[in-house]
Amino acid sequence: MSLLGSFNTGVSGLQAAGQSMGIIGDNIANAGTFGFKSSRAEFQDMLAKSLKGIDGGDQIGSGTKLAHVKAKFTQGSISRTENITDLAVNGNGFFVVEAGKGRGFTRDGSFHFDKEGNLINGDGYKILGFQANEDGEITQKTGPIKLGGTTIPARATEKVNVNMNVDSRADIQVFDPNNPEKTSDFNSSIQVFDNVGTQRLITLHFNKVANNTWEYHAMVPGEDAANGQEGTMVEMGKGKLVFNDKGQLQEEVVELNSFNFNKGAAPNQQIEFSFGESLKEGGNGNDASTQYGSETSIARHNQDGASAATLASLSFNDEGILTASYDNGETRDLAQMAIGKFENNEGLFKMGKNLFKETRNSGQAAIGKPGKDGRGEILSKSIEQSNVDIANEFIALMNAQRNFQANTRTITTSDQMLQEVLNIKR
C-alpha cells in the first residue's frame, strides 16, 4: 500500500471510532429511558490488498468499517411503582401497540387510560390485548384494551346454593303457611335480588314430613310480595328433600317456584334452590346436604344475583388480566394483555418513541398470552428500566477515545513522512 493509502486507513479508524462514540452516547443518553435496550458497535476489517494475488498471504489491510449495530435484549431491572397501569414484562416478549403506521412493539409499560377508557401509552397509542366476552371469559379475539362502561346492570337471582344438615331425630309435623315459625323445625333467611336489582329477603322453613323426607318452604314478607299484606308471609317456593338410609341426599323435588315481588319487579321470577348434587343427579353424596343425627344447621349458602354497581377499582394480575371490582362486591375480567414474541429480536427495527417494528430479519410476531409458550409474565405496578450499564459504557467510552487518538497518530505520522518526501528535491 502506498503512503497515501495510509491516510485512508487512518481516516477509516477515525470514522469507526466516531461512530462507536455515537452508539455509546446514545446508550448513555437513554440510561433513564423505560424499557430501552442498549446497542453495541461491531466492526470489520476492509478488503485487504494481497501482494501474491489470489494465492493469498502477504496482505495489507485497508482499515476498518462499522459492520453492525447490535441491540442487546437483556432484561432490565424492575422497579416497583404505585400506578396500577404500570406494567413490566419479566422475560421474553413485547407489549403490542396500535401505532400510527401499523403495529409496534415495546418494553415500556408506562400506560394509562384515556378519557374514552382506552389503555394507551404516553404517545396516545392504544395497547392491544385479548378481549373478554359478556360473561367475563377471556377469548382469543384481539383488540384495543378498553374499560367500557363503568357500571354493570343488575342481575336477578336465578340460583341459590344451600349446603346443610337436617336433624334425623326431628319430629314429623305439618307446615302451616299462616304460622311458619311454630310449624317448622328450622328456618334461615337469604338475601336475593329481583330483575331490577332490588334486594329481597327469602326465609326458608324446613319441616320433616316422613322418615328421610323433608319439605322446604320459601316465604317472602308480605310487604315485598305483589298484592301482599304487611305483617304476613307469602309462600312462593316449595319442594321436598328425600334422603336414603345413610343420610345422603337421594333426590330433590320442586313443587312450587314462582316469585312475584312488588315495586316494579317482573312477575314469576324463577329461583332454583339447590341443596347439592343428589345421588339421582349422579352425585356421590359427599358434596350435598345430609340428614344425620345432629342439630339442623346451614354450613353455607350463596346466590348468583347482584344489584347494579359502579366501578370501584382496577387491577392486573401476573397473567396480565385486567380485572374490574365493583362496589357491590362483584369482579369481572375485562381483557388480558397480548405479548408479541419474535424468533430474532436483534432483527427488529427501532421506530423511536420506545417502539420496535417487525422486519424480514426479525420474522413475524407470534401474539399470545403472558406466561405461555416462552413468553414472559406480567408484573403489575412495575416498570422495566433501561438495561444500560453506565460503568461498562464509560469504559467503552474511554476505549473509543483511545482508538480515536491512536488513529490520529497514523495520520500525523503519515503526513510527516510525506513531508520528508516533498523535501527531497530541495
Protein backbone atom coordinates (compact mmCIF):
# COMPACT_ATOMS: atom_id res chain seq x y z
CA MET A 1 0.00 0.00 0.00
CA SER A 2 1.27 3.48 -0.86
CA LEU A 3 2.00 6.15 1.72
CA LEU A 4 -1.14 7.98 0.62
CA GLY A 5 -3.15 4.82 1.31
CA SER A 6 -2.18 5.01 4.97
CA PHE A 7 -4.16 8.25 5.19
CA ASN A 8 -7.33 6.36 4.19
CA THR A 9 -6.58 3.65 6.70
CA GLY A 10 -6.28 6.23 9.48
CA VAL A 11 -9.41 8.04 8.35
CA SER A 12 -11.38 4.75 8.44
CA GLY A 13 -10.23 4.29 12.00
CA LEU A 14 -11.36 7.82 12.92
CA GLN A 15 -14.75 7.23 11.32
CA ALA A 16 -15.17 3.93 13.16
CA ALA A 17 -14.19 5.47 16.48
CA GLY A 18 -16.60 8.37 15.88
CA GLN A 19 -19.46 6.01 15.06
CA SER A 20 -18.66 3.98 18.15
CA MET A 21 -18.84 7.18 20.21
CA GLY A 22 -22.29 7.88 18.75
CA ILE A 23 -23.60 4.47 19.77
CA ILE A 24 -22.14 4.72 23.26
CA GLY A 25 -23.51 8.24 23.64
CA ASP A 26 -26.97 7.04 22.63
CA ASN A 27 -26.79 4.32 25.28
CA ILE A 28 -25.76 6.78 27.96
CA ALA A 29 -28.42 9.28 26.89
CA ASN A 30 -31.11 6.59 27.29
CA ALA A 31 -29.90 5.20 30.61
CA GLY A 32 -33.12 6.52 32.17
CA THR A 33 -35.49 5.53 29.36
CA PHE A 34 -38.05 2.89 30.40
CA GLY A 35 -37.61 -0.40 28.57
CA PHE A 36 -34.67 0.86 26.49
CA LYS A 37 -32.34 -1.77 25.03
CA SER A 38 -28.71 -0.74 24.61
CA SER A 39 -26.66 -1.39 21.46
CA ARG A 40 -23.05 -2.16 20.67
CA ALA A 41 -20.89 -1.48 17.64
CA GLU A 42 -19.42 -4.40 15.72
CA PHE A 43 -16.56 -3.62 13.29
CA GLN A 44 -14.99 -5.48 10.38
CA ASP A 45 -11.73 -5.08 8.55
CA MET A 46 -11.94 -3.82 4.97
CA LEU A 47 -10.81 -5.61 1.83
CA ALA A 48 -7.06 -6.12 2.01
CA LYS A 49 -4.54 -5.95 -0.80
CA SER A 50 -2.64 -9.20 -1.43
CA LEU A 51 0.95 -8.98 -2.63
CA LYS A 52 0.66 -12.53 -4.03
CA GLY A 53 -2.68 -12.13 -5.79
CA ILE A 54 -5.17 -14.95 -5.41
CA ASP A 55 -2.52 -17.19 -3.81
CA GLY A 56 -3.11 -15.32 -0.54
CA GLY A 57 -0.66 -14.29 2.15
CA ASP A 58 1.33 -11.07 2.46
CA GLN A 59 -1.84 -8.96 2.62
CA ILE A 60 -2.00 -5.32 3.63
CA GLY A 61 -5.21 -4.18 5.34
CA SER A 62 -7.24 -1.17 4.23
CA GLY A 63 -8.68 -0.13 7.55
CA THR A 64 -11.97 -0.83 9.32
CA LYS A 65 -15.67 -0.14 8.96
CA LEU A 66 -18.80 -0.31 11.11
CA ALA A 67 -20.44 -3.59 10.10
CA HIS A 68 -23.32 -3.99 12.53
CA VAL A 69 -25.09 -2.20 15.36
CA LYS A 70 -26.42 -4.99 17.56
CA ALA A 71 -29.15 -4.34 20.12
CA LYS A 72 -28.81 -6.17 23.43
CA PHE A 73 -32.16 -7.50 24.62
CA THR A 74 -31.14 -8.47 28.12
CA GLN A 75 -33.66 -7.97 30.92
CA GLY A 76 -33.63 -4.55 32.53
CA SER A 77 -34.11 -4.17 36.26
CA ILE A 78 -37.72 -4.00 37.51
CA SER A 79 -38.79 -1.06 39.67
CA ARG A 80 -41.97 -1.06 41.76
CA THR A 81 -44.46 1.80 41.41
CA GLU A 82 -47.88 2.69 42.84
CA ASN A 83 -49.62 3.04 39.47
CA ILE A 84 -51.88 0.08 38.63
CA THR A 85 -51.36 0.61 34.88
CA ASP A 86 -47.57 0.42 35.11
CA LEU A 87 -46.64 -3.00 33.73
CA ALA A 88 -43.40 -4.84 33.05
CA VAL A 89 -42.60 -7.97 31.04
CA ASN A 90 -40.46 -10.33 33.10
CA GLY A 91 -38.91 -12.48 30.39
CA ASN A 92 -39.20 -12.66 26.62
CA GLY A 93 -41.69 -10.66 24.58
CA PHE A 94 -43.09 -7.19 23.93
CA PHE A 95 -46.30 -5.29 24.58
CA VAL A 96 -48.30 -4.84 21.37
CA VAL A 97 -49.18 -1.26 20.41
CA GLU A 98 -51.52 0.07 17.73
CA ALA A 99 -49.08 2.68 16.42
CA GLY A 100 -49.73 5.28 13.74
CA LYS A 101 -48.22 3.20 10.91
CA GLY A 102 -49.19 -0.32 11.89
CA ARG A 103 -48.37 -2.42 14.91
CA GLY A 104 -45.47 -1.50 17.14
CA PHE A 105 -43.84 -3.42 19.96
CA THR A 106 -42.42 -2.04 23.17
CA ARG A 107 -40.95 -2.99 26.53
CA ASP A 108 -42.06 0.33 28.03
CA GLY A 109 -45.13 -0.45 30.14
CA SER A 110 -45.92 3.05 31.42
CA PHE A 111 -49.58 3.05 30.39
CA HIS A 112 -52.73 4.88 31.42
CA PHE A 113 -56.41 5.13 30.47
CA ASP A 114 -57.63 7.99 28.29
CA LYS A 115 -60.96 9.77 28.62
CA GLU A 116 -62.65 7.14 26.44
CA GLY A 117 -61.42 4.28 28.62
CA ASN A 118 -58.71 3.03 26.23
CA LEU A 119 -55.42 1.79 27.68
CA ILE A 120 -52.74 3.89 25.94
CA ASN A 121 -49.04 4.70 26.21
CA GLY A 122 -47.58 8.16 26.67
CA ASP A 123 -47.96 8.97 22.96
CA GLY A 124 -51.64 8.04 22.90
CA TYR A 125 -51.19 4.73 21.06
CA LYS A 126 -53.70 2.04 22.05
CA ILE A 127 -52.47 -1.12 23.75
CA LEU A 128 -53.75 -4.38 22.30
CA GLY A 129 -54.91 -7.42 24.24
CA PHE A 130 -57.29 -10.35 24.31
CA GLN A 131 -60.84 -9.23 24.94
CA ALA A 132 -63.39 -10.74 27.31
CA ASN A 133 -66.94 -11.74 26.44
CA GLU A 134 -70.08 -10.68 28.30
CA ASP A 135 -69.52 -13.39 30.91
CA GLY A 136 -66.02 -12.12 31.74
CA GLU A 137 -64.27 -15.01 29.98
CA ILE A 138 -61.07 -14.15 28.08
CA THR A 139 -61.39 -15.01 24.38
CA GLN A 140 -58.85 -15.31 21.55
CA LYS A 141 -60.10 -12.08 19.94
CA THR A 142 -57.52 -9.28 20.00
CA GLY A 143 -58.23 -5.58 20.01
CA PRO A 144 -57.60 -2.39 22.00
CA ILE A 145 -57.98 -2.82 25.75
CA LYS A 146 -60.92 -0.72 26.86
CA LEU A 147 -62.82 -0.30 30.10
CA GLY A 148 -66.26 0.01 28.51
CA GLY A 149 -68.97 1.23 30.86
CA THR A 150 -68.15 1.98 34.47
CA THR A 151 -71.41 0.43 35.64
CA ILE A 152 -72.83 -3.08 35.39
CA PRO A 153 -76.55 -3.83 35.26
CA ALA A 154 -78.48 -5.64 37.95
CA ARG A 155 -78.67 -9.41 37.73
CA ALA A 156 -81.72 -11.27 39.02
CA THR A 157 -81.09 -14.24 41.28
CA GLU A 158 -81.53 -17.47 39.34
CA LYS A 159 -79.99 -19.98 41.71
CA VAL A 160 -79.46 -20.33 45.45
CA ASN A 161 -77.00 -22.98 46.66
CA VAL A 162 -77.52 -24.38 50.16
CA ASN A 163 -75.29 -26.86 51.95
CA MET A 164 -76.80 -28.03 55.22
CA ASN A 165 -77.60 -30.90 57.56
CA VAL A 166 -81.12 -31.68 58.80
CA ASP A 167 -81.60 -33.48 62.09
CA SER A 168 -82.83 -37.07 61.55
CA ARG A 169 -84.16 -37.05 65.13
CA ALA A 170 -86.66 -34.25 64.44
CA ASP A 171 -90.40 -34.83 64.89
CA ILE A 172 -92.76 -35.08 61.95
CA GLN A 173 -95.12 -32.12 61.62
CA VAL A 174 -97.39 -30.41 59.12
CA PHE A 175 -96.35 -26.96 57.89
CA ASP A 176 -98.84 -24.10 58.18
CA PRO A 177 -98.03 -21.04 55.93
CA ASN A 178 -100.00 -18.84 58.31
CA ASN A 179 -97.90 -19.92 61.26
CA PRO A 180 -94.49 -20.81 59.75
CA GLU A 181 -92.39 -20.27 62.86
CA LYS A 182 -94.19 -22.82 65.03
CA THR A 183 -94.84 -25.43 62.32
CA SER A 184 -91.27 -25.80 61.04
CA ASP A 185 -88.20 -27.39 62.60
CA PHE A 186 -85.71 -24.84 61.33
CA ASN A 187 -85.56 -21.63 59.27
CA SER A 188 -82.88 -19.44 57.68
CA SER A 189 -83.03 -16.14 55.78
CA ILE A 190 -81.30 -15.50 52.44
CA GLN A 191 -80.91 -12.22 50.55
CA VAL A 192 -81.75 -12.42 46.82
CA PHE A 193 -82.24 -9.86 44.03
CA ASP A 194 -85.11 -9.24 41.65
CA ASN A 195 -84.69 -8.30 37.98
CA VAL A 196 -84.09 -4.59 38.73
CA GLY A 197 -81.51 -5.29 41.44
CA THR A 198 -83.72 -4.68 44.48
CA GLN A 199 -82.62 -6.77 47.42
CA ARG A 200 -85.30 -9.11 48.71
CA LEU A 201 -85.45 -11.35 51.79
CA ILE A 202 -86.47 -15.00 51.50
CA THR A 203 -86.87 -17.19 54.58
CA LEU A 204 -86.50 -20.95 54.09
CA HIS A 205 -88.55 -23.05 56.54
CA PHE A 206 -87.79 -26.77 56.88
CA ASN A 207 -90.10 -29.42 58.38
CA LYS A 208 -89.91 -33.20 58.47
CA VAL A 209 -92.92 -34.86 56.82
CA ALA A 210 -91.82 -38.54 56.94
CA ASN A 211 -88.79 -40.64 57.67
CA ASN A 212 -86.00 -39.49 55.33
CA THR A 213 -88.28 -36.86 53.76
CA TRP A 214 -88.24 -33.12 54.42
CA GLU A 215 -90.06 -30.14 52.95
CA TYR A 216 -88.71 -26.65 52.40
CA HIS A 217 -90.90 -23.56 52.06
CA ALA A 218 -89.60 -20.27 50.63
CA MET A 219 -91.50 -17.45 52.31
CA VAL A 220 -91.46 -13.75 51.39
CA PRO A 221 -92.64 -10.92 53.68
CA GLY A 222 -96.00 -9.53 52.62
CA GLU A 223 -94.60 -6.02 52.15
CA ASP A 224 -92.27 -7.40 49.40
CA ALA A 225 -94.89 -9.56 47.69
CA ALA A 226 -97.22 -8.49 44.91
CA ASN A 227 -100.67 -7.94 46.47
CA GLY A 228 -99.19 -8.96 49.83
CA GLN A 229 -100.06 -7.52 53.22
CA GLU A 230 -97.56 -6.20 55.71
CA GLY A 231 -97.05 -8.44 58.71
CA THR A 232 -97.84 -11.64 56.81
CA MET A 233 -95.69 -14.18 54.95
CA VAL A 234 -96.36 -15.36 51.39
CA GLU A 235 -95.16 -18.77 50.17
CA MET A 236 -93.56 -18.57 46.71
CA GLY A 237 -91.36 -21.66 46.62
CA LYS A 238 -91.76 -25.22 47.85
CA GLY A 239 -90.06 -28.58 47.46
CA LYS A 240 -89.01 -31.86 49.05
CA LEU A 241 -85.65 -33.35 50.02
CA VAL A 242 -85.50 -37.14 50.04
CA PHE A 243 -82.60 -38.88 51.82
CA ASN A 244 -81.52 -42.54 51.86
CA ASP A 245 -80.87 -44.62 54.98
CA LYS A 246 -77.25 -43.42 55.06
CA GLY A 247 -78.32 -39.79 55.38
CA GLN A 248 -77.29 -38.94 51.80
CA LEU A 249 -79.41 -36.73 49.56
CA GLN A 250 -81.25 -39.09 47.22
CA GLU A 251 -83.49 -36.68 45.32
CA GLU A 252 -84.80 -33.10 45.17
CA VAL A 253 -88.41 -32.45 44.12
CA VAL A 254 -89.66 -28.96 43.18
CA GLU A 255 -93.37 -28.34 43.81
CA LEU A 256 -93.62 -24.54 43.56
CA ASN A 257 -91.29 -21.92 42.08
CA SER A 258 -92.82 -18.54 41.22
CA PHE A 259 -91.62 -15.38 42.95
CA ASN A 260 -93.82 -12.33 42.47
CA PHE A 261 -92.21 -9.31 44.08
CA ASN A 262 -93.72 -5.83 44.11
CA LYS A 263 -92.36 -2.35 43.31
CA GLY A 264 -91.59 -2.82 39.61
CA ALA A 265 -90.19 -6.35 39.69
CA ALA A 266 -91.01 -8.72 36.84
CA PRO A 267 -93.64 -11.39 37.68
CA ASN A 268 -92.93 -15.10 38.04
CA GLN A 269 -89.22 -14.89 38.76
CA GLN A 270 -87.75 -18.40 38.84
CA ILE A 271 -85.24 -19.11 41.61
CA GLU A 272 -83.71 -22.58 41.77
CA PHE A 273 -82.85 -23.88 45.23
CA SER A 274 -80.03 -26.40 45.02
CA PHE A 275 -79.07 -28.46 48.03
CA GLY A 276 -76.14 -30.12 46.27
CA GLU A 277 -75.81 -32.84 43.66
CA SER A 278 -78.14 -35.65 44.70
CA LEU A 279 -77.48 -39.33 44.06
CA LYS A 280 -80.17 -39.26 41.38
CA GLU A 281 -78.25 -36.49 39.60
CA GLY A 282 -75.03 -38.52 39.68
CA GLY A 283 -73.56 -37.17 42.90
CA ASN A 284 -71.62 -39.24 45.41
CA GLY A 285 -73.38 -37.89 48.50
CA ASN A 286 -70.28 -36.15 49.84
CA ASP A 287 -70.90 -32.66 48.45
CA ALA A 288 -74.66 -32.41 49.03
CA SER A 289 -76.84 -31.69 52.02
CA THR A 290 -77.20 -34.51 54.56
CA GLN A 291 -79.55 -35.96 57.17
CA TYR A 292 -77.56 -37.01 60.22
CA GLY A 293 -78.33 -37.31 63.91
CA SER A 294 -77.08 -33.85 64.76
CA GLU A 295 -78.70 -30.43 65.00
CA THR A 296 -80.08 -28.86 61.85
CA SER A 297 -77.73 -26.16 60.59
CA ILE A 298 -76.69 -24.47 57.36
CA ALA A 299 -72.96 -24.72 56.67
CA ARG A 300 -73.01 -22.21 53.82
CA HIS A 301 -75.25 -20.68 51.18
CA ASN A 302 -74.78 -18.33 48.23
CA GLN A 303 -76.77 -16.89 45.36
CA ASP A 304 -75.87 -15.56 41.89
CA GLY A 305 -77.82 -12.28 41.79
CA ALA A 306 -76.44 -8.77 42.18
CA SER A 307 -77.56 -5.17 42.30
CA ALA A 308 -76.46 -2.61 39.75
CA ALA A 309 -72.97 -1.34 40.56
CA THR A 310 -70.32 1.19 39.61
CA LEU A 311 -66.61 0.63 39.11
CA ALA A 312 -64.62 0.77 42.34
CA SER A 313 -61.09 -0.32 41.37
CA LEU A 314 -58.93 -1.99 38.70
CA SER A 315 -56.05 -4.42 38.93
CA PHE A 316 -53.75 -6.52 36.74
CA ASN A 317 -52.52 -9.95 37.81
CA ASP A 318 -49.35 -11.85 36.78
CA GLU A 319 -51.18 -13.28 33.78
CA GLY A 320 -51.84 -9.75 32.53
CA ILE A 321 -55.61 -9.99 33.12
CA LEU A 322 -57.33 -6.68 33.81
CA THR A 323 -59.99 -7.18 36.49
CA ALA A 324 -62.61 -4.63 37.49
CA SER A 325 -64.03 -4.61 41.02
CA TYR A 326 -67.44 -3.03 41.61
CA ASP A 327 -68.99 -1.54 44.71
CA ASN A 328 -71.44 -4.43 45.08
CA GLY A 329 -68.58 -6.88 45.59
CA GLU A 330 -68.67 -8.24 42.03
CA THR A 331 -65.48 -8.68 39.98
CA ARG A 332 -65.24 -9.06 36.23
CA ASP A 333 -62.31 -9.77 33.87
CA LEU A 334 -62.20 -7.16 31.11
CA ALA A 335 -59.18 -8.11 28.99
CA GLN A 336 -55.75 -9.74 29.01
CA MET A 337 -52.51 -8.21 27.80
CA ALA A 338 -51.16 -9.53 24.49
CA ILE A 339 -47.44 -10.34 24.23
CA GLY A 340 -45.57 -10.46 20.92
CA LYS A 341 -42.62 -12.85 20.61
CA PHE A 342 -40.01 -12.90 17.84
CA GLU A 343 -37.54 -15.54 16.70
CA ASN A 344 -34.86 -12.85 16.23
CA ASN A 345 -35.19 -9.82 18.48
CA GLU A 346 -31.96 -8.35 17.07
CA GLY A 347 -33.66 -8.06 13.67
CA LEU A 348 -36.27 -5.56 14.92
CA PHE A 349 -36.28 -2.01 13.58
CA LYS A 350 -36.23 0.88 16.05
CA MET A 351 -39.05 3.32 15.28
CA GLY A 352 -38.31 5.79 18.05
CA LYS A 353 -40.71 6.56 20.91
CA ASN A 354 -39.61 3.31 22.60
CA LEU A 355 -41.19 1.28 19.78
CA PHE A 356 -39.88 -1.52 17.59
CA LYS A 357 -41.26 -2.72 14.24
CA GLU A 358 -41.03 -6.21 12.84
CA THR A 359 -38.83 -6.76 9.77
CA ARG A 360 -37.96 -9.59 7.44
CA ASN A 361 -34.97 -10.41 9.64
CA SER A 362 -36.96 -10.47 12.88
CA GLY A 363 -39.77 -12.60 11.48
CA GLN A 364 -43.44 -12.05 12.22
CA ALA A 365 -44.64 -11.56 15.77
CA ALA A 366 -46.25 -14.55 17.45
CA ILE A 367 -49.01 -12.92 19.50
CA GLY A 368 -50.04 -14.86 22.60
CA LYS A 369 -50.87 -14.67 26.28
CA PRO A 370 -48.33 -13.88 29.03
CA GLY A 371 -46.51 -16.86 30.50
CA LYS A 372 -47.40 -19.12 27.55
CA ASP A 373 -45.03 -20.70 25.01
CA GLY A 374 -41.91 -18.93 26.21
CA ARG A 375 -43.44 -15.50 26.72
CA GLY A 376 -42.64 -13.59 29.88
CA GLU A 377 -45.02 -12.93 32.75
CA ILE A 378 -46.60 -9.58 33.51
CA LEU A 379 -45.63 -7.71 36.67
CA SER A 380 -48.22 -5.15 37.73
CA LYS A 381 -47.32 -1.87 39.41
CA SER A 382 -43.83 -2.27 37.93
CA ILE A 383 -41.67 -0.66 35.27
CA GLU A 384 -38.70 -2.15 33.43
CA GLN A 385 -35.71 0.17 33.50
CA SER A 386 -33.13 0.60 30.74
CA ASN A 387 -30.60 -2.24 30.51
CA VAL A 388 -27.74 0.24 30.01
CA ASP A 389 -24.80 -0.41 32.35
CA ILE A 390 -23.24 3.01 32.92
CA ALA A 391 -19.95 1.59 34.20
CA ASN A 392 -19.46 -0.54 31.07
CA GLU A 393 -20.45 2.36 28.84
CA PHE A 394 -17.84 4.63 30.45
CA ILE A 395 -15.17 2.00 29.89
CA ALA A 396 -16.26 1.68 26.26
CA LEU A 397 -16.18 5.47 26.03
CA MET A 398 -12.55 5.55 27.13
CA ASN A 399 -11.65 2.78 24.69
CA ALA A 400 -13.28 4.68 21.84
CA GLN A 401 -11.38 7.82 22.82
CA ARG A 402 -8.06 5.96 22.86
CA ASN A 403 -8.82 4.39 19.49
CA PHE A 404 -9.59 7.81 18.06
CA GLN A 405 -6.35 9.27 19.42
CA ALA A 406 -4.34 6.32 18.11
CA ASN A 407 -5.76 6.72 14.60
CA THR A 408 -4.88 10.42 14.58
CA ARG A 409 -1.27 9.35 15.16
CA THR A 410 -1.41 7.24 11.99
CA ILE A 411 -2.49 10.27 10.00
CA THR A 412 0.01 12.72 11.55
CA THR A 413 2.89 10.26 11.17
CA SER A 414 1.97 9.61 7.52
CA ASP A 415 1.80 13.36 6.99
CA GLN A 416 5.31 13.80 8.44
CA MET A 417 6.66 11.03 6.19
CA LEU A 418 5.02 12.60 3.15
CA GLN A 419 6.54 15.93 4.10
CA GLU A 420 10.00 14.31 4.09
CA VAL A 421 9.32 13.02 0.58
CA LEU A 422 8.42 16.51 -0.57
CA ASN A 423 11.62 17.87 0.93
CA ILE A 424 13.85 15.56 -1.17
CA LYS A 425 14.06 17.95 -4.15
CA ARG A 426 15.16 20.89 -2.02
